[in-house]
N, C-alpha and C. Protein backbone atom coordinates (compact mmCIF):
# COMPACT_ATOMS: atom_id res chain seq x y z
N MET A 1 8.78 -23.51 47.65
CA MET A 1 10.15 -23.67 48.13
C MET A 1 10.53 -22.55 49.10
N LYS A 2 10.01 -21.36 48.87
CA LYS A 2 10.34 -20.23 49.74
C LYS A 2 9.94 -20.50 51.19
N SER A 3 8.84 -21.19 51.39
CA SER A 3 8.40 -21.46 52.75
C SER A 3 9.41 -22.35 53.51
N PHE A 4 10.20 -23.15 52.79
CA PHE A 4 11.21 -23.99 53.42
C PHE A 4 12.50 -23.24 53.73
N THR A 5 12.74 -22.16 53.03
CA THR A 5 14.02 -21.46 53.18
C THR A 5 13.91 -20.09 53.84
N GLN A 6 12.70 -19.56 53.93
CA GLN A 6 12.54 -18.20 54.47
C GLN A 6 13.05 -18.07 55.90
N HIS A 7 12.61 -18.92 56.80
CA HIS A 7 13.06 -18.83 58.19
C HIS A 7 14.56 -19.13 58.33
N PRO A 8 15.07 -20.23 57.76
CA PRO A 8 16.52 -20.46 57.87
C PRO A 8 17.33 -19.27 57.35
N TYR A 9 16.92 -18.70 56.24
CA TYR A 9 17.63 -17.54 55.69
C TYR A 9 17.59 -16.36 56.66
N SER A 10 16.45 -16.17 57.33
CA SER A 10 16.30 -15.03 58.24
C SER A 10 17.24 -15.12 59.43
N ILE A 11 17.76 -16.32 59.71
CA ILE A 11 18.73 -16.47 60.80
C ILE A 11 20.10 -16.88 60.27
N ASN A 12 20.34 -16.53 59.02
CA ASN A 12 21.65 -16.74 58.37
C ASN A 12 22.07 -18.20 58.31
N GLU A 13 21.14 -19.08 57.98
CA GLU A 13 21.45 -20.49 57.82
C GLU A 13 20.87 -21.00 56.51
N THR A 14 21.45 -22.07 56.02
CA THR A 14 20.84 -22.76 54.90
C THR A 14 19.76 -23.68 55.45
N TYR A 15 18.96 -24.23 54.57
CA TYR A 15 17.94 -25.18 54.99
C TYR A 15 18.59 -26.39 55.67
N ILE A 16 19.68 -26.89 55.10
CA ILE A 16 20.35 -28.07 55.65
C ILE A 16 20.93 -27.77 57.03
N GLN A 17 21.57 -26.62 57.21
CA GLN A 17 22.12 -26.26 58.52
C GLN A 17 21.00 -26.21 59.56
N HIS A 18 19.89 -25.59 59.19
CA HIS A 18 18.77 -25.47 60.11
C HIS A 18 18.17 -26.83 60.43
N PHE A 19 18.06 -27.67 59.42
CA PHE A 19 17.52 -29.02 59.61
C PHE A 19 18.40 -29.82 60.57
N LYS A 20 19.71 -29.75 60.39
CA LYS A 20 20.63 -30.49 61.27
C LYS A 20 20.51 -30.01 62.71
N PHE A 21 20.48 -28.70 62.90
CA PHE A 21 20.37 -28.15 64.26
C PHE A 21 19.06 -28.59 64.90
N ALA A 22 17.95 -28.43 64.19
CA ALA A 22 16.64 -28.78 64.74
C ALA A 22 16.52 -30.28 65.00
N SER A 23 17.05 -31.09 64.09
CA SER A 23 16.99 -32.54 64.27
C SER A 23 17.78 -33.00 65.49
N LYS A 24 18.99 -32.49 65.62
CA LYS A 24 19.84 -32.86 66.75
C LYS A 24 19.16 -32.51 68.07
N HIS A 25 18.61 -31.31 68.14
CA HIS A 25 18.02 -30.88 69.40
C HIS A 25 16.67 -31.55 69.67
N SER A 26 15.95 -31.92 68.63
CA SER A 26 14.70 -32.64 68.88
C SER A 26 14.99 -34.01 69.50
N VAL A 27 16.06 -34.66 69.06
CA VAL A 27 16.46 -35.94 69.66
C VAL A 27 16.86 -35.73 71.12
N LEU A 28 17.59 -34.66 71.40
CA LEU A 28 17.98 -34.37 72.78
C LEU A 28 16.76 -34.10 73.67
N PHE A 29 15.75 -33.41 73.12
CA PHE A 29 14.52 -33.18 73.87
C PHE A 29 13.82 -34.51 74.18
N ILE A 30 13.76 -35.39 73.21
CA ILE A 30 13.12 -36.69 73.41
C ILE A 30 13.86 -37.49 74.48
N LEU A 31 15.20 -37.52 74.39
CA LEU A 31 15.98 -38.26 75.38
C LEU A 31 15.82 -37.67 76.78
N THR A 32 15.76 -36.35 76.85
CA THR A 32 15.55 -35.70 78.15
C THR A 32 14.16 -36.05 78.69
N GLY A 33 13.18 -36.10 77.81
CA GLY A 33 11.83 -36.50 78.22
C GLY A 33 11.80 -37.92 78.77
N LEU A 34 12.53 -38.81 78.12
CA LEU A 34 12.60 -40.19 78.62
C LEU A 34 13.30 -40.24 79.98
N ALA A 35 14.33 -39.42 80.14
CA ALA A 35 15.01 -39.36 81.45
C ALA A 35 14.05 -38.84 82.52
N LEU A 36 13.21 -37.87 82.16
CA LEU A 36 12.23 -37.35 83.12
C LEU A 36 11.18 -38.39 83.48
N LEU A 37 10.73 -39.16 82.50
CA LEU A 37 9.78 -40.25 82.81
C LEU A 37 10.41 -41.26 83.76
N THR A 38 11.66 -41.59 83.49
CA THR A 38 12.38 -42.52 84.37
C THR A 38 12.52 -41.92 85.76
N HIS A 39 12.85 -40.64 85.82
CA HIS A 39 12.99 -39.95 87.11
C HIS A 39 11.67 -39.94 87.88
N GLY A 40 10.56 -39.82 87.14
CA GLY A 40 9.26 -39.84 87.81
C GLY A 40 9.00 -41.15 88.53
N VAL A 41 9.43 -42.24 87.94
CA VAL A 41 9.24 -43.55 88.54
C VAL A 41 10.33 -43.84 89.57
N PHE A 42 11.55 -43.50 89.23
CA PHE A 42 12.71 -43.74 90.11
C PHE A 42 13.39 -42.39 90.42
N PRO A 43 12.92 -41.69 91.44
CA PRO A 43 13.40 -40.34 91.72
C PRO A 43 14.91 -40.22 91.94
N PHE A 44 15.57 -41.33 92.20
CA PHE A 44 17.01 -41.29 92.45
C PHE A 44 17.81 -41.34 91.15
N PHE A 45 17.16 -41.54 90.00
CA PHE A 45 17.82 -41.49 88.69
C PHE A 45 17.61 -40.11 88.06
N PHE A 46 18.60 -39.63 87.35
CA PHE A 46 18.51 -38.41 86.53
C PHE A 46 18.01 -37.20 87.33
N GLU A 47 18.54 -37.03 88.54
CA GLU A 47 18.06 -35.97 89.42
C GLU A 47 18.28 -34.57 88.86
N LYS A 48 19.34 -34.36 88.09
CA LYS A 48 19.64 -33.02 87.58
C LYS A 48 19.63 -32.94 86.05
N THR A 49 19.24 -34.01 85.41
CA THR A 49 19.31 -34.07 83.94
C THR A 49 18.47 -32.98 83.28
N ALA A 50 17.22 -32.84 83.67
CA ALA A 50 16.35 -31.85 83.02
C ALA A 50 16.84 -30.43 83.28
N SER A 51 17.23 -30.15 84.51
CA SER A 51 17.72 -28.81 84.84
C SER A 51 18.95 -28.46 84.02
N LYS A 52 19.87 -29.40 83.93
CA LYS A 52 21.09 -29.16 83.14
C LYS A 52 20.75 -28.97 81.67
N PHE A 53 19.82 -29.76 81.15
CA PHE A 53 19.43 -29.65 79.75
C PHE A 53 18.81 -28.29 79.46
N VAL A 54 17.90 -27.85 80.31
CA VAL A 54 17.23 -26.56 80.10
C VAL A 54 18.24 -25.42 80.15
N ILE A 55 19.12 -25.44 81.13
CA ILE A 55 20.15 -24.39 81.24
C ILE A 55 21.06 -24.40 80.02
N ASN A 56 21.49 -25.59 79.61
CA ASN A 56 22.37 -25.72 78.44
C ASN A 56 21.67 -25.22 77.17
N MET A 57 20.41 -25.60 76.99
CA MET A 57 19.67 -25.19 75.79
C MET A 57 19.45 -23.68 75.78
N TYR A 58 19.12 -23.12 76.91
CA TYR A 58 18.92 -21.67 77.01
C TYR A 58 20.21 -20.93 76.65
N ASN A 59 21.33 -21.40 77.19
CA ASN A 59 22.61 -20.77 76.88
C ASN A 59 22.96 -20.89 75.40
N LYS A 60 22.65 -22.04 74.79
CA LYS A 60 22.88 -22.21 73.35
C LYS A 60 22.05 -21.22 72.55
N MET A 61 20.79 -21.04 72.95
CA MET A 61 19.91 -20.12 72.22
C MET A 61 20.40 -18.68 72.36
N LEU A 62 20.85 -18.31 73.55
CA LEU A 62 21.38 -16.95 73.72
C LEU A 62 22.64 -16.74 72.89
N SER A 63 23.52 -17.71 72.89
CA SER A 63 24.75 -17.63 72.11
C SER A 63 24.43 -17.56 70.62
N ARG A 64 23.50 -18.38 70.21
CA ARG A 64 23.08 -18.41 68.80
C ARG A 64 22.48 -17.08 68.39
N ARG A 65 21.65 -16.53 69.27
CA ARG A 65 21.02 -15.24 68.99
C ARG A 65 22.07 -14.15 68.84
N LYS A 66 23.03 -14.11 69.75
CA LYS A 66 24.09 -13.10 69.67
C LYS A 66 24.88 -13.24 68.37
N ASN A 67 25.17 -14.47 67.99
CA ASN A 67 25.90 -14.72 66.76
C ASN A 67 25.10 -14.28 65.54
N ILE A 68 23.81 -14.56 65.55
CA ILE A 68 22.95 -14.17 64.43
C ILE A 68 22.89 -12.65 64.30
N ILE A 69 22.71 -11.98 65.43
CA ILE A 69 22.64 -10.51 65.41
C ILE A 69 23.97 -9.93 64.96
N ARG A 70 25.09 -10.49 65.43
CA ARG A 70 26.42 -9.98 65.10
C ARG A 70 26.74 -10.17 63.62
N THR A 71 26.34 -11.29 63.05
CA THR A 71 26.72 -11.60 61.67
C THR A 71 25.66 -11.22 60.64
N SER A 72 24.50 -10.80 61.11
CA SER A 72 23.42 -10.50 60.17
C SER A 72 23.58 -9.12 59.57
N SER A 73 23.30 -9.03 58.27
CA SER A 73 23.29 -7.72 57.62
C SER A 73 21.93 -7.08 57.76
N LYS A 74 20.95 -7.84 58.23
CA LYS A 74 19.61 -7.32 58.45
C LYS A 74 19.49 -6.79 59.87
N ILE A 75 18.57 -5.89 60.06
CA ILE A 75 18.28 -5.42 61.42
C ILE A 75 17.29 -6.41 62.02
N ILE A 76 17.67 -7.01 63.14
CA ILE A 76 16.82 -7.99 63.80
C ILE A 76 16.26 -7.35 65.06
N SER A 77 14.96 -7.41 65.19
CA SER A 77 14.33 -6.82 66.37
C SER A 77 14.66 -7.64 67.60
N ASN A 78 14.34 -7.13 68.74
CA ASN A 78 14.61 -7.81 70.01
C ASN A 78 13.57 -8.90 70.23
N ARG A 79 13.81 -10.05 69.63
CA ARG A 79 12.89 -11.19 69.72
C ARG A 79 13.36 -12.14 70.80
N ASP A 80 12.44 -12.95 71.27
CA ASP A 80 12.80 -13.97 72.26
C ASP A 80 13.77 -14.97 71.66
N PRO A 81 14.69 -15.53 72.48
CA PRO A 81 15.68 -16.48 71.97
C PRO A 81 15.08 -17.69 71.27
N GLU A 82 13.92 -18.15 71.69
CA GLU A 82 13.37 -19.36 71.10
C GLU A 82 13.03 -19.19 69.63
N TYR A 83 12.88 -17.96 69.17
CA TYR A 83 12.60 -17.73 67.75
C TYR A 83 13.75 -18.20 66.88
N PHE A 84 14.94 -18.21 67.41
CA PHE A 84 16.13 -18.49 66.63
C PHE A 84 16.49 -19.97 66.59
N ILE A 85 15.58 -20.84 66.93
CA ILE A 85 15.83 -22.28 66.87
C ILE A 85 15.88 -22.71 65.42
């Protein structure tokens, strides 16, 4: 059971909170991938979708990281934002 809760706890989340966040964003990644496939075939569709998604996701990760560091009672090293997904 510890292996399921260790990472979520390290970023001040419950298992359910972490699952919801990861599930929601995995669906968004899949949808963005489908938009990119469509864009590959029809370059006039979804011209800025991937760029907007990447920028939005990066900003979410930075915001999330700042929130985790601010609210954490643990000392968190300077890790890359993607660790906090």
